[in-house]
């Protein structure tokens, strides 16, 4: 067997405990960081979508350009939905800030 060729399998068998632990730690850390980052990004995306939806609620244009009536507008439903969205956005903002700070703490990287 040629000494210059070192198959991965043989190298893997020769690894010591520290090398094995290092490889496992790197793999676990990379996976965890990626999943954590995605989770934080997902929360941010939810916030943006809900804010757009909330802004869409105040678009109470008349039925057409010649009409001055707002027959389809229901004030009670508007108020209920606006408050509901405000609370969801508030909770998601808190979740986002907490998750972002934890990500930075756990992985030493700014978000």
PDB file of N, CA and C in Angstrom:
ATOM      1  N   UNK A   1       0.835  -1.183   0.000  1.00  0.00           N
ATOM      2  CA  UNK A   1       0.000   0.000   0.000  1.00  0.00           C
ATOM      3  C   UNK A   1       0.879   1.246   0.000  1.00  0.00           C
ATOM      4  N   UNK A   2       0.541   2.203  -0.790  1.00  0.00           N
ATOM      5  CA  UNK A   2       1.314   3.421  -0.915  1.00  0.00           C
ATOM      6  C   UNK A   2       1.113   4.302   0.324  1.00  0.00           C
ATOM      7  N   UNK A   3       2.209   4.739   0.954  1.00  0.00           N
ATOM      8  CA  UNK A   3       2.124   5.558   2.153  1.00  0.00           C
ATOM      9  C   UNK A   3       1.601   6.966   1.868  1.00  0.00           C
ATOM     10  N   UNK A   4       1.734   7.429   0.625  1.00  0.00           N
ATOM     11  CA  UNK A   4       1.264   8.775   0.282  1.00  0.00           C
ATOM     12  C   UNK A   4      -0.256   8.872   0.286  1.00  0.00           C
ATOM     13  N   UNK A   5      -0.922   7.775  -0.028  1.00  0.00           N
ATOM     14  CA  UNK A   5      -2.382   7.753  -0.019  1.00  0.00           C
ATOM     15  C   UNK A   5      -2.859   7.427   1.386  1.00  0.00           C
ATOM     16  N   UNK A   6      -3.638   8.320   1.951  1.00  0.00           N
ATOM     17  CA  UNK A   6      -4.183   8.083   3.288  1.00  0.00           C
ATOM     18  C   UNK A   6      -5.699   8.139   3.181  1.00  0.00           C
ATOM     19  N   UNK A   7      -6.323   6.993   3.045  1.00  0.00           N
ATOM     20  CA  UNK A   7      -7.777   6.963   2.913  1.00  0.00           C
ATOM     21  C   UNK A   7      -8.457   7.560   4.144  1.00  0.00           C
ATOM     22  N   UNK A   8      -9.571   8.187   3.911  1.00  0.00           N
ATOM     23  CA  UNK A   8     -10.325   8.844   4.987  1.00  0.00           C
ATOM     24  C   UNK A   8     -10.701   7.845   6.082  1.00  0.00           C
ATOM     25  N   UNK A   9     -11.073   6.645   5.687  1.00  0.00           N
ATOM     26  CA  UNK A   9     -11.494   5.644   6.671  1.00  0.00           C
ATOM     27  C   UNK A   9     -10.367   5.303   7.639  1.00  0.00           C
ATOM     28  N   UNK A  10      -9.179   5.128   7.119  1.00  0.00           N
ATOM     29  CA  UNK A  10      -8.035   4.805   7.975  1.00  0.00           C
ATOM     30  C   UNK A  10      -7.728   5.977   8.893  1.00  0.00           C
ATOM     31  N   UNK A  11      -7.756   7.177   8.351  1.00  0.00           N
ATOM     32  CA  UNK A  11      -7.528   8.368   9.186  1.00  0.00           C
ATOM     33  C   UNK A  11      -8.573   8.475  10.292  1.00  0.00           C
ATOM     34  N   UNK A  12      -9.815   8.163   9.956  1.00  0.00           N
ATOM     35  CA  UNK A  12     -10.885   8.236  10.947  1.00  0.00           C
ATOM     36  C   UNK A  12     -10.653   7.237  12.083  1.00  0.00           C
ATOM     37  N   UNK A  13     -10.149   6.084  11.749  1.00  0.00           N
ATOM     38  CA  UNK A  13      -9.868   5.078  12.774  1.00  0.00           C
ATOM     39  C   UNK A  13      -8.708   5.478  13.677  1.00  0.00           C
ATOM     40  N   UNK A  14      -7.816   6.280  13.162  1.00  0.00           N
ATOM     41  CA  UNK A  14      -6.628   6.690  13.924  1.00  0.00           C
ATOM     42  C   UNK A  14      -6.864   7.938  14.790  1.00  0.00           C
ATOM     43  N   UNK A  15      -7.985   8.571  14.599  1.00  0.00           N
ATOM     44  CA  UNK A  15      -8.225   9.802  15.361  1.00  0.00           C
ATOM     45  C   UNK A  15      -8.249   9.515  16.858  1.00  0.00           C
ATOM     46  N   UNK A  16      -7.735  10.465  17.607  1.00  0.00           N
ATOM     47  CA  UNK A  16      -7.777  10.306  19.057  1.00  0.00           C
ATOM     48  C   UNK A  16      -9.074  10.916  19.598  1.00  0.00           C
ATOM     49  N   UNK A  17      -9.294  10.764  20.859  1.00  0.00           N
ATOM     50  CA  UNK A  17     -10.525  11.224  21.499  1.00  0.00           C
ATOM     51  C   UNK A  17     -10.737  12.725  21.317  1.00  0.00           C
ATOM     52  N   UNK A  18      -9.691  13.507  21.453  1.00  0.00           N
ATOM     53  CA  UNK A  18      -9.809  14.959  21.283  1.00  0.00           C
ATOM     54  C   UNK A  18     -10.238  15.329  19.866  1.00  0.00           C
ATOM     55  N   UNK A  19      -9.687  14.643  18.879  1.00  0.00           N
ATOM     56  CA  UNK A  19     -10.061  14.915  17.488  1.00  0.00           C
ATOM     57  C   UNK A  19     -11.517  14.529  17.220  1.00  0.00           C
ATOM     58  N   UNK A  20     -11.934  13.420  17.770  1.00  0.00           N
ATOM     59  CA  UNK A  20     -13.322  12.974  17.611  1.00  0.00           C
ATOM     60  C   UNK A  20     -14.268  13.992  18.251  1.00  0.00           C
ATOM     61  N   UNK A  21     -13.946  14.399  19.449  1.00  0.00           N
ATOM     62  CA  UNK A  21     -14.783  15.382  20.151  1.00  0.00           C
ATOM     63  C   UNK A  21     -14.823  16.703  19.399  1.00  0.00           C
ATOM     64  N   UNK A  22     -13.704  17.135  18.857  1.00  0.00           N
ATOM     65  CA  UNK A  22     -13.640  18.375  18.092  1.00  0.00           C
ATOM     66  C   UNK A  22     -14.536  18.297  16.863  1.00  0.00           C
ATOM     67  N   UNK A  23     -14.467  17.198  16.135  1.00  0.00           N
ATOM     68  CA  UNK A  23     -15.306  17.020  14.944  1.00  0.00           C
ATOM     69  C   UNK A  23     -16.787  17.024  15.302  1.00  0.00           C
ATOM     70  N   UNK A  24     -17.140  16.322  16.351  1.00  0.00           N
ATOM     71  CA  UNK A  24     -18.544  16.278  16.780  1.00  0.00           C
ATOM     72  C   UNK A  24     -19.020  17.648  17.249  1.00  0.00           C
ATOM     73  N   UNK A  25     -18.186  18.333  17.996  1.00  0.00           N
ATOM     74  CA  UNK A  25     -18.549  19.665  18.480  1.00  0.00           C
ATOM     75  C   UNK A  25     -18.758  20.626  17.318  1.00  0.00           C
ATOM     76  N   UNK A  26     -17.888  20.564  16.333  1.00  0.00           N
ATOM     77  CA  UNK A  26     -18.007  21.443  15.166  1.00  0.00           C
ATOM     78  C   UNK A  26     -19.320  21.180  14.423  1.00  0.00           C
ATOM     79  N   UNK A  27     -19.623  19.903  14.227  1.00  0.00           N
ATOM     80  CA  UNK A  27     -20.852  19.530  13.518  1.00  0.00           C
ATOM     81  C   UNK A  27     -22.095  19.987  14.270  1.00  0.00           C
ATOM     82  N   UNK A  28     -22.139  19.711  15.549  1.00  0.00           N
ATOM     83  CA  UNK A  28     -23.281  20.111  16.378  1.00  0.00           C
ATOM     84  C   UNK A  28     -23.409  21.630  16.406  1.00  0.00           C
ATOM     85  N   UNK A  29     -22.291  22.325  16.569  1.00  0.00           N
ATOM     86  CA  UNK A  29     -22.306  23.781  16.612  1.00  0.00           C
ATOM     87  C   UNK A  29     -22.782  24.406  15.311  1.00  0.00           C
ATOM     88  N   UNK A  30     -22.287  23.901  14.188  1.00  0.00           N
ATOM     89  CA  UNK A  30     -22.695  24.448  12.894  1.00  0.00           C
ATOM     90  C   UNK A  30     -24.185  24.236  12.648  1.00  0.00           C
ATOM     91  N   UNK A  31     -24.674  23.027  12.928  1.00  0.00           N
ATOM     92  CA  UNK A  31     -26.100  22.747  12.740  1.00  0.00           C
ATOM     93  C   UNK A  31     -26.957  23.640  13.633  1.00  0.00           C
ATOM     94  N   UNK A  32     -26.570  23.745  14.885  1.00  0.00           N
ATOM     95  CA  UNK A  32     -27.341  24.551  15.837  1.00  0.00           C
ATOM     96  C   UNK A  32     -27.355  26.015  15.437  1.00  0.00           C
ATOM     97  N   UNK A  33     -26.214  26.519  15.031  1.00  0.00           N
ATOM     98  CA  UNK A  33     -26.143  27.920  14.629  1.00  0.00           C
ATOM     99  C   UNK A  33     -27.028  28.194  13.416  1.00  0.00           C
ATOM    100  N   UNK A  34     -26.975  27.326  12.444  1.00  0.00           N
ATOM    101  CA  UNK A  34     -27.772  27.502  11.234  1.00  0.00           C
ATOM    102  C   UNK A  34     -29.266  27.482  11.548  1.00  0.00           C
ATOM    103  N   UNK A  35     -29.685  26.523  12.352  1.00  0.00           N
ATOM    104  CA  UNK A  35     -31.103  26.417  12.716  1.00  0.00           C
ATOM    105  C   UNK A  35     -31.536  27.619  13.544  1.00  0.00           C
ATOM    106  N   UNK A  36     -30.707  28.053  14.478  1.00  0.00           N
ATOM    107  CA  UNK A  36     -31.023  29.209  15.323  1.00  0.00           C
ATOM    108  C   UNK A  36     -31.160  30.464  14.462  1.00  0.00           C
ATOM    109  N   UNK A  37     -30.218  30.656  13.548  1.00  0.00           N
ATOM    110  CA  UNK A  37     -30.242  31.823  12.669  1.00  0.00           C
ATOM    111  C   UNK A  37     -31.511  31.840  11.821  1.00  0.00           C
ATOM    112  N   UNK A  38     -31.862  30.687  11.298  1.00  0.00           N
ATOM    113  CA  UNK A  38     -33.085  30.600  10.493  1.00  0.00           C
ATOM    114  C   UNK A  38     -34.319  30.915  11.322  1.00  0.00           C
ATOM    115  N   UNK A  39     -34.334  30.444  12.549  1.00  0.00           N
ATOM    116  CA  UNK A  39     -35.477  30.706  13.426  1.00  0.00           C
ATOM    117  C   UNK A  39     -35.625  32.194  13.679  1.00  0.00           C
ATOM    118  N   UNK A  40     -34.524  32.875  13.943  1.00  0.00           N
ATOM    119  CA  UNK A  40     -34.559  34.320  14.167  1.00  0.00           C
ATOM    120  C   UNK A  40     -35.030  35.032  12.893  1.00  0.00           C
ATOM    121  N   UNK A  41     -34.521  34.600  11.747  1.00  0.00           N
ATOM    122  CA  UNK A  41     -34.936  35.203  10.479  1.00  0.00           C
ATOM    123  C   UNK A  41     -36.417  34.961  10.209  1.00  0.00           C
ATOM    124  N   UNK A  42     -36.928  33.789  10.562  1.00  0.00           N
ATOM    125  CA  UNK A  42     -38.352  33.487  10.381  1.00  0.00           C
ATOM    126  C   UNK A  42     -39.225  34.417  11.225  1.00  0.00           C
ATOM    127  N   UNK A  43     -38.801  34.667  12.448  1.00  0.00           N
ATOM    128  CA  UNK A  43     -39.550  35.585  13.317  1.00  0.00           C
ATOM    129  C   UNK A  43     -39.565  36.975  12.691  1.00  0.00           C
ATOM    130  N   UNK A  44     -38.422  37.428  12.196  1.00  0.00           N
ATOM    131  CA  UNK A  44     -38.327  38.735  11.552  1.00  0.00           C
ATOM    132  C   UNK A  44     -39.254  38.813  10.334  1.00  0.00           C
ATOM    133  N   UNK A  45     -39.297  37.765   9.543  1.00  0.00           N
ATOM    134  CA  UNK A  45     -40.165  37.734   8.365  1.00  0.00           C
ATOM    135  C   UNK A  45     -41.638  37.784   8.763  1.00  0.00           C
ATOM    136  N   UNK A  46     -42.018  37.054   9.812  1.00  0.00           N
ATOM    137  CA  UNK A  46     -43.402  37.090  10.292  1.00  0.00           C
ATOM    138  C   UNK A  46     -43.795  38.502  10.706  1.00  0.00           C
ATOM    139  N   UNK A  47     -42.892  39.184  11.406  1.00  0.00           N
ATOM    140  CA  UNK A  47     -43.165  40.553  11.843  1.00  0.00           C
ATOM    141  C   UNK A  47     -43.419  41.449  10.637  1.00  0.00           C
ATOM    142  N   UNK A  48     -42.560  41.365   9.648  1.00  0.00           N
ATOM    143  CA  UNK A  48     -42.710  42.217   8.465  1.00  0.00           C
ATOM    144  C   UNK A  48     -44.014  41.940   7.732  1.00  0.00           C
ATOM    145  N   UNK A  49     -44.369  40.680   7.591  1.00  0.00           N
ATOM    146  CA  UNK A  49     -45.618  40.334   6.901  1.00  0.00           C
ATOM    147  C   UNK A  49     -46.841  40.828   7.661  1.00  0.00           C
ATOM    148  N   UNK A  50     -46.813  40.687   8.986  1.00  0.00           N
ATOM    149  CA  UNK A  50     -47.940  41.153   9.793  1.00  0.00           C
ATOM    150  C   UNK A  50     -48.041  42.677   9.769  1.00  0.00           C
ATOM    151  N   UNK A  51     -46.914  43.357   9.772  1.00  0.00           N
ATOM    152  CA  UNK A  51     -46.947  44.823   9.680  1.00  0.00           C
ATOM    153  C   UNK A  51     -47.544  45.270   8.350  1.00  0.00           C
ATOM    154  N   UNK A  52     -47.205  44.561   7.283  1.00  0.00           N
ATOM    155  CA  UNK A  52     -47.803  44.880   5.975  1.00  0.00           C
ATOM    156  C   UNK A  52     -49.303  44.629   5.988  1.00  0.00           C
ATOM    157  N   UNK A  53     -49.699  43.525   6.604  1.00  0.00           N
ATOM    158  CA  UNK A  53     -51.132  43.222   6.707  1.00  0.00           C
ATOM    159  C   UNK A  53     -51.854  44.293   7.501  1.00  0.00           C
ATOM    160  N   UNK A  54     -51.223  44.729   8.584  1.00  0.00           N
ATOM    161  CA  UNK A  54     -51.824  45.770   9.417  1.00  0.00           C
ATOM    162  C   UNK A  54     -51.943  47.081   8.643  1.00  0.00           C
ATOM    163  N   UNK A  55     -50.926  47.428   7.876  1.00  0.00           N
ATOM    164  CA  UNK A  55     -50.994  48.637   7.051  1.00  0.00           C
ATOM    165  C   UNK A  55     -52.088  48.500   5.996  1.00  0.00           C
ATOM    166  N   UNK A  56     -52.280  47.298   5.499  1.00  0.00           N
ATOM    167  CA  UNK A  56     -53.332  47.061   4.513  1.00  0.00           C
ATOM    168  C   UNK A  56     -54.723  47.292   5.072  1.00  0.00           C
ATOM    169  N   UNK A  57     -54.879  47.134   6.384  1.00  0.00           N
ATOM    170  CA  UNK A  57     -56.178  47.368   7.010  1.00  0.00           C
ATOM    171  C   UNK A  57     -56.642  48.810   6.877  1.00  0.00           C
ATOM    172  N   UNK A  58     -55.702  49.727   6.822  1.00  0.00           N
ATOM    173  CA  UNK A  58     -56.103  51.137   6.761  1.00  0.00           C
ATOM    174  C   UNK A  58     -56.332  51.624   5.334  1.00  0.00           C
ATOM    175  N   UNK A  59     -56.212  50.707   4.387  1.00  0.00           N
ATOM    176  CA  UNK A  59     -56.540  51.050   3.005  1.00  0.00           C
ATOM    177  C   UNK A  59     -58.043  50.865   2.830  1.00  0.00           C
ATOM    178  N   UNK A  60     -58.783  51.916   3.104  1.00  0.00           N
ATOM    179  CA  UNK A  60     -60.249  51.856   3.032  1.00  0.00           C
ATOM    180  C   UNK A  60     -60.756  52.697   1.864  1.00  0.00           C
ATOM    181  N   UNK A  61     -60.175  52.454   0.735  1.00  0.00           N
ATOM    182  CA  UNK A  61     -60.572  53.169  -0.465  1.00  0.00           C
ATOM    183  C   UNK A  61     -62.031  52.859  -0.803  1.00  0.00           C
ATOM    184  N   UNK A  62     -62.697  53.804  -1.447  1.00  0.00           N
ATOM    185  CA  UNK A  62     -64.079  53.553  -1.883  1.00  0.00           C
ATOM    186  C   UNK A  62     -64.126  52.369  -2.856  1.00  0.00           C
ATOM    187  N   UNK A  63     -65.315  51.863  -3.084  1.00  0.00           N
ATOM    188  CA  UNK A  63     -65.492  50.709  -3.955  1.00  0.00           C
ATOM    189  C   UNK A  63     -64.930  50.949  -5.359  1.00  0.00           C
ATOM    190  N   UNK A  64     -65.094  52.121  -5.887  1.00  0.00           N
ATOM    191  CA  UNK A  64     -64.494  52.497  -7.166  1.00  0.00           C
ATOM    192  C   UNK A  64     -64.224  53.992  -7.161  1.00  0.00           C
ATOM    193  N   UNK A  65     -63.596  54.499  -8.199  1.00  0.00           N
ATOM    194  CA  UNK A  65     -63.165  55.908  -8.192  1.00  0.00           C
ATOM    195  C   UNK A  65     -64.321  56.891  -8.236  1.00  0.00           C
ATOM    196  N   UNK A  66     -65.519  56.448  -8.634  1.00  0.00           N
ATOM    197  CA  UNK A  66     -66.674  57.340  -8.696  1.00  0.00           C
ATOM    198  C   UNK A  66     -67.530  57.288  -7.444  1.00  0.00           C
ATOM    199  N   UNK A  67     -67.254  56.352  -6.582  1.00  0.00           N
ATOM    200  CA  UNK A  67     -68.061  56.163  -5.381  1.00  0.00           C
ATOM    201  C   UNK A  67     -67.438  56.891  -4.202  1.00  0.00           C
ATOM    202  N   UNK A  68     -68.282  57.411  -3.360  1.00  0.00           N
ATOM    203  CA  UNK A  68     -67.801  58.054  -2.135  1.00  0.00           C
ATOM    204  C   UNK A  68     -68.228  57.282  -0.890  1.00  0.00           C
ATOM    205  N   UNK A  69     -68.828  56.110  -1.082  1.00  0.00           N
ATOM    206  CA  UNK A  69     -69.290  55.326   0.060  1.00  0.00           C
ATOM    207  C   UNK A  69     -68.251  54.287   0.459  1.00  0.00           C
ATOM    208  N   UNK A  70     -68.299  53.925   1.690  1.00  0.00           N
ATOM    209  CA  UNK A  70     -67.414  52.898   2.227  1.00  0.00           C
ATOM    210  C   UNK A  70     -68.283  51.778   2.791  1.00  0.00           C
ATOM    211  N   UNK A  71     -69.155  51.263   1.957  1.00  0.00           N
ATOM    212  CA  UNK A  71     -70.151  50.286   2.391  1.00  0.00           C
ATOM    213  C   UNK A  71     -69.533  49.013   2.945  1.00  0.00           C
ATOM    214  N   UNK A  72     -68.402  48.624   2.448  1.00  0.00           N
ATOM    215  CA  UNK A  72     -67.797  47.371   2.893  1.00  0.00           C
ATOM    216  C   UNK A  72     -66.984  47.511   4.183  1.00  0.00           C
ATOM    217  N   UNK A  73     -66.765  48.720   4.630  1.00  0.00           N
ATOM    218  CA  UNK A  73     -65.938  48.926   5.819  1.00  0.00           C
ATOM    219  C   UNK A  73     -66.742  48.645   7.082  1.00  0.00           C
ATOM    220  N   UNK A  74     -66.184  47.775   7.944  1.00  0.00           N
ATOM    221  CA  UNK A  74     -66.811  47.439   9.222  1.00  0.00           C
ATOM    222  C   UNK A  74     -65.893  47.900  10.343  1.00  0.00           C
ATOM    223  N   UNK A  75     -66.245  48.990  10.996  1.00  0.00           N
ATOM    224  CA  UNK A  75     -65.364  49.550  12.040  1.00  0.00           C
ATOM    225  C   UNK A  75     -65.029  48.566  13.160  1.00  0.00           C
ATOM    226  N   UNK A  76     -66.011  47.803  13.619  1.00  0.00           N
ATOM    227  CA  UNK A  76     -65.754  46.853  14.710  1.00  0.00           C
ATOM    228  C   UNK A  76     -64.728  45.799  14.299  1.00  0.00           C
ATOM    229  N   UNK A  77     -64.882  45.271  13.111  1.00  0.00           N
ATOM    230  CA  UNK A  77     -63.941  44.258  12.619  1.00  0.00           C
ATOM    231  C   UNK A  77     -62.558  44.857  12.421  1.00  0.00           C
ATOM    232  N   UNK A  78     -62.518  46.101  11.937  1.00  0.00           N
ATOM    233  CA  UNK A  78     -61.235  46.791  11.744  1.00  0.00           C
ATOM    234  C   UNK A  78     -60.502  46.942  13.073  1.00  0.00           C
ATOM    235  N   UNK A  79     -61.207  47.436  14.072  1.00  0.00           N
ATOM    236  CA  UNK A  79     -60.590  47.662  15.389  1.00  0.00           C
ATOM    237  C   UNK A  79     -60.120  46.350  15.998  1.00  0.00           C
ATOM    238  N   UNK A  80     -60.965  45.323  15.930  1.00  0.00           N
ATOM    239  CA  UNK A  80     -60.605  44.018  16.490  1.00  0.00           C
ATOM    240  C   UNK A  80     -59.346  43.457  15.819  1.00  0.00           C
ATOM    241  N   UNK A  81     -59.316  43.483  14.494  1.00  0.00           N
ATOM    242  CA  UNK A  81     -58.182  42.932  13.748  1.00  0.00           C
ATOM    243  C   UNK A  81     -56.917  43.746  13.996  1.00  0.00           C
ATOM    244  N   UNK A  82     -57.045  45.069  14.049  1.00  0.00           N
ATOM    245  CA  UNK A  82     -55.885  45.927  14.268  1.00  0.00           C
ATOM    246  C   UNK A  82     -55.261  45.679  15.639  1.00  0.00           C
ATOM    247  N   UNK A  83     -56.094  45.566  16.652  1.00  0.00           N
ATOM    248  CA  UNK A  83     -55.588  45.294  18.006  1.00  0.00           C
ATOM    249  C   UNK A  83     -54.956  43.904  18.055  1.00  0.00           C
ATOM    250  N   UNK A  84     -55.612  42.937  17.433  1.00  0.00           N
ATOM    251  CA  UNK A  84     -55.087  41.572  17.396  1.00  0.00           C
ATOM    252  C   UNK A  84     -53.712  41.533  16.736  1.00  0.00           C
ATOM    253  N   UNK A  85     -53.581  42.173  15.590  1.00  0.00           N
ATOM    254  CA  UNK A  85     -52.292  42.214  14.894  1.00  0.00           C
ATOM    255  C   UNK A  85     -51.241  42.955  15.712  1.00  0.00           C
ATOM    256  N   UNK A  86     -51.639  44.030  16.372  1.00  0.00           N
ATOM    257  CA  UNK A  86     -50.700  44.799  17.201  1.00  0.00           C
ATOM    258  C   UNK A  86     -50.115  43.939  18.314  1.00  0.00           C
ATOM    259  N   UNK A  87     -50.953  43.138  18.946  1.00  0.00           N
ATOM    260  CA  UNK A  87     -50.482  42.271  20.031  1.00  0.00           C
ATOM    261  C   UNK A  87     -49.578  41.160  19.512  1.00  0.00           C
ATOM    262  N   UNK A  88     -49.926  40.582  18.381  1.00  0.00           N
ATOM    263  CA  UNK A  88     -49.085  39.534  17.792  1.00  0.00           C
ATOM    264  C   UNK A  88     -47.724  40.110  17.414  1.00  0.00           C
ATOM    265  N   UNK A  89     -47.734  41.285  16.796  1.00  0.00           N
ATOM    266  CA  UNK A  89     -46.474  41.937  16.395  1.00  0.00           C
ATOM    267  C   UNK A  89     -45.638  42.270  17.620  1.00  0.00           C
ATOM    268  N   UNK A  90     -46.274  42.777  18.665  1.00  0.00           N
ATOM    269  CA  UNK A  90     -45.552  43.110  19.905  1.00  0.00           C
ATOM    270  C   UNK A  90     -44.867  41.867  20.473  1.00  0.00           C
ATOM    271  N   UNK A  91     -45.607  40.761  20.552  1.00  0.00           N
ATOM    272  CA  UNK A  91     -45.046  39.521  21.090  1.00  0.00           C
ATOM    273  C   UNK A  91     -43.918  38.989  20.200  1.00  0.00           C
ATOM    274  N   UNK A  92     -44.091  39.083  18.898  1.00  0.00           N
ATOM    275  CA  UNK A  92     -43.037  38.632  17.990  1.00  0.00           C
ATOM    276  C   UNK A  92     -41.792  39.520  18.093  1.00  0.00           C
ATOM    277  N   UNK A  93     -41.978  40.818  18.301  1.00  0.00           N
ATOM    278  CA  UNK A  93     -40.832  41.717  18.482  1.00  0.00           C
ATOM    279  C   UNK A  93     -40.043  41.347  19.734  1.00  0.00           C
ATOM    280  N   UNK A  94     -40.748  41.005  20.792  1.00  0.00           N
ATOM    281  CA  UNK A  94     -40.079  40.571  22.022  1.00  0.00           C
ATOM    282  C   UNK A  94     -39.329  39.261  21.758  1.00  0.00           C
ATOM    283  N   UNK A  95     -40.008  38.330  21.105  1.00  0.00           N
ATOM    284  CA  UNK A  95     -39.384  37.057  20.766  1.00  0.00           C
ATOM    285  C   UNK A  95     -38.142  37.266  19.895  1.00  0.00           C
ATOM    286  N   UNK A  96     -38.254  38.154  18.927  1.00  0.00           N
ATOM    287  CA  UNK A  96     -37.140  38.444  18.024  1.00  0.00           C
ATOM    288  C   UNK A  96     -35.942  38.994  18.788  1.00  0.00           C
ATOM    289  N   UNK A  97     -36.173  39.961  19.655  1.00  0.00           N
ATOM    290  CA  UNK A  97     -35.071  40.563  20.417  1.00  0.00           C
ATOM    291  C   UNK A  97     -34.404  39.551  21.340  1.00  0.00           C
ATOM    292  N   UNK A  98     -35.203  38.742  22.008  1.00  0.00           N
ATOM    293  CA  UNK A  98     -34.653  37.731  22.912  1.00  0.00           C
ATOM    294  C   UNK A  98     -33.853  36.699  22.116  1.00  0.00           C
ATOM    295  N   UNK A  99     -34.428  36.207  21.027  1.00  0.00           N
ATOM    296  CA  UNK A  99     -33.750  35.192  20.212  1.00  0.00           C
ATOM    297  C   UNK A  99     -32.471  35.752  19.593  1.00  0.00           C
ATOM    298  N   UNK A 100     -32.513  36.994  19.145  1.00  0.00           N
ATOM    299  CA  UNK A 100     -31.334  37.624  18.544  1.00  0.00           C
ATOM    300  C   UNK A 100     -30.213  37.763  19.574  1.00  0.00           C
ATOM    301  N   UNK A 101     -30.533  38.199  20.779  1.00  0.00           N
ATOM    302  CA  UNK A 101     -29.515  38.340  21.827  1.00  0.00           C
ATOM    303  C   UNK A 101     -28.937  36.985  22.229  1.00  0.00           C
ATOM    304  N   UNK A 102     -29.790  35.981  22.299  1.00  0.00           N
ATOM    305  CA  UNK A 102     -29.309  34.637  22.635  1.00  0.00           C
ATOM    306  C   UNK A 102     -28.414  34.082  21.538  1.00  0.00           C
ATOM    307  N   UNK A 103     -28.791  34.330  20.295  1.00  0.00           N
ATOM    308  CA  UNK A 103     -27.968  33.882  19.168  1.00  0.00           C
ATOM    309  C   UNK A 103     -26.582  34.504  19.268  1.00  0.00           C
ATOM    310  N   UNK A 104     -26.546  35.809  19.510  1.00  0.00           N
ATOM    311  CA  UNK A 104     -25.265  36.508  19.614  1.00  0.00           C
ATOM    312  C   UNK A 104     -24.450  35.981  20.784  1.00  0.00           C
ATOM    313  N   UNK A 105     -25.122  35.706  21.898  1.00  0.00           N
ATOM    314  CA  UNK A 105     -24.442  35.179  23.082  1.00  0.00           C
ATOM    315  C   UNK A 105     -23.899  33.767  22.822  1.00  0.00           C
ATOM    316  N   UNK A 106     -24.742  32.907  22.261  1.00  0.00           N
ATOM    317  CA  UNK A 106     -24.373  31.504  22.071  1.00  0.00           C
ATOM    318  C   UNK A 106     -23.324  31.290  21.001  1.00  0.00           C
ATOM    319  N   UNK A 107     -23.384  32.094  19.927  1.00  0.00           N
ATOM    320  CA  UNK A 107     -22.508  31.826  18.794  1.00  0.00           C
ATOM    321  C   UNK A 107     -21.461  32.920  18.557  1.00  0.00           C
ATOM    322  N   UNK A 108     -21.495  33.973  19.377  1.00  0.00           N
ATOM    323  CA  UNK A 108     -20.469  35.009  19.291  1.00  0.00           C
ATOM    324  C   UNK A 108     -20.486  35.792  17.997  1.00  0.00           C
ATOM    325  N   UNK A 109     -21.621  35.853  17.354  1.00  0.00           N
ATOM    326  CA  UNK A 109     -21.752  36.582  16.093  1.00  0.00           C
ATOM    327  C   UNK A 109     -22.924  37.546  16.200  1.00  0.00           C
ATOM    328  N   UNK A 110     -22.752  38.717  15.623  1.00  0.00           N
ATOM    329  CA  UNK A 110     -23.855  39.661  15.628  1.00  0.00           C
ATOM    330  C   UNK A 110     -24.833  39.295  14.524  1.00  0.00           C
ATOM    331  N   UNK A 111     -26.063  39.587  14.783  1.00  0.00           N
ATOM    332  CA  UNK A 111     -27.112  39.241  13.826  1.00  0.00           C
ATOM    333  C   UNK A 111     -27.364  40.374  12.881  1.00  0.00           C
TER     334      UNK A 111
END
